[in-house]
């Protein structure tokens, strides 16, 4: 572990905060991709003052491959991984790392050679709701498990055609629906399953899946799923599955991998080589349109999702081989950009004005963010291999997943 105090415009990832309170999901539990509101905000985390010079390792366990975020619900830690030819859901004791239960199913598949550097997954973070855990495997297998004992409640096999780089989107639960984008690029469908039975409640097959994850939002009085697809950004009625609006959107390598961002009445759109665009969704009767408000060309989000603080988007642009930036969401002005070649990926979450940036090189940066730059408060080395998984924080505990190991670090 090392510490560094200097003013730099570098990485920003935040760690999630979820003090364990009860066996059912509470506001501070980390129940899904990017937290309770899918926006990377860790509202329940108490930022220490001061931060310690080092972290203490409490335990480390081999769990398997994959980049799914650990979920913390009460005093259970859930992790979705691959072990040999199986996809596995684990329930662990967060105090000791010991396995409480293990649920597995066979999931052999052939990786696209382009995915070899990132391993065999899974890359989709489960979603938790009402005592159930919902998962999406690399080849498109959809499953529901009992969170108490790991019983497989229902399962839907993957389709015959798999996505080019396999699946990475993380499901979202809306009432008694759990929503996945299943299938391949030519036969995919945004699909709402009944959380209790696995029955398909609706399916929109207008475009194949992307590698990003959806939001569910109220826009113009209609609750809708907003998500990237293979070739578009769309809004779909969450009750009926009907398409409301669509915007063409593609990237150079067909890897739309963002979760949309909402800022007031604006939606923020970004992707490799596309800059950052803010637009409004407008409704007149049954007719829906979108209207661009501003476009920034100097920066663009690719695999790293950004966070918003006081009207400013902080992110890692893929341009210049990984460059951190801040962008005013009201005007589209790029406030600053950092040095190039900082990281290929960084998981971004926020607590108050503090950003915690876990870069893919296993460096965790604790940062104070502002409109003029980032002050590095501390830097910790937290793994011996690549860290592509968002970490999970509860109280003084930090759960870090690297290529195959889960480690508990504590702030003393």
Foldseek 3Di string as FASTA:
>chain_A
DAWDWDFFFDFFAFAAAAAADDQAADQQWAFFCLRDQNFQARAPEDQDVPFDRAWDFDDKDFFAFAFAEWTCYRQWIWDWHDDVQKTKIFIAGVNHRDTPAMDIDGHDDDADVVCVVRDQYDQAYWGDDDQKIWDAGQQGKIWIARNVHGHTQDIDDADPAAANRGEHEYWDDDPQWIWDFGDYFQFIWTFTAGNRHRHTQEIHRPGHAARAYWGFDQAPNFTWIWDDGQFWTFTAGPNHRHTQDIGGDHEPVSHQHYYWDDDPQWIWDFEHQQAIWIWHWDDDPSHIDIGTDDGDRPFTDHNEYWHDDPQKTWIWGPPLPTKIWIARNVRRDTLDITDGNRANYWHWHDHHQWGWTQGQQQKIFIWRDDSNRITTSTIYRDDDHTFPYRWHHYHQWIWGDHRGMIIIIGGD
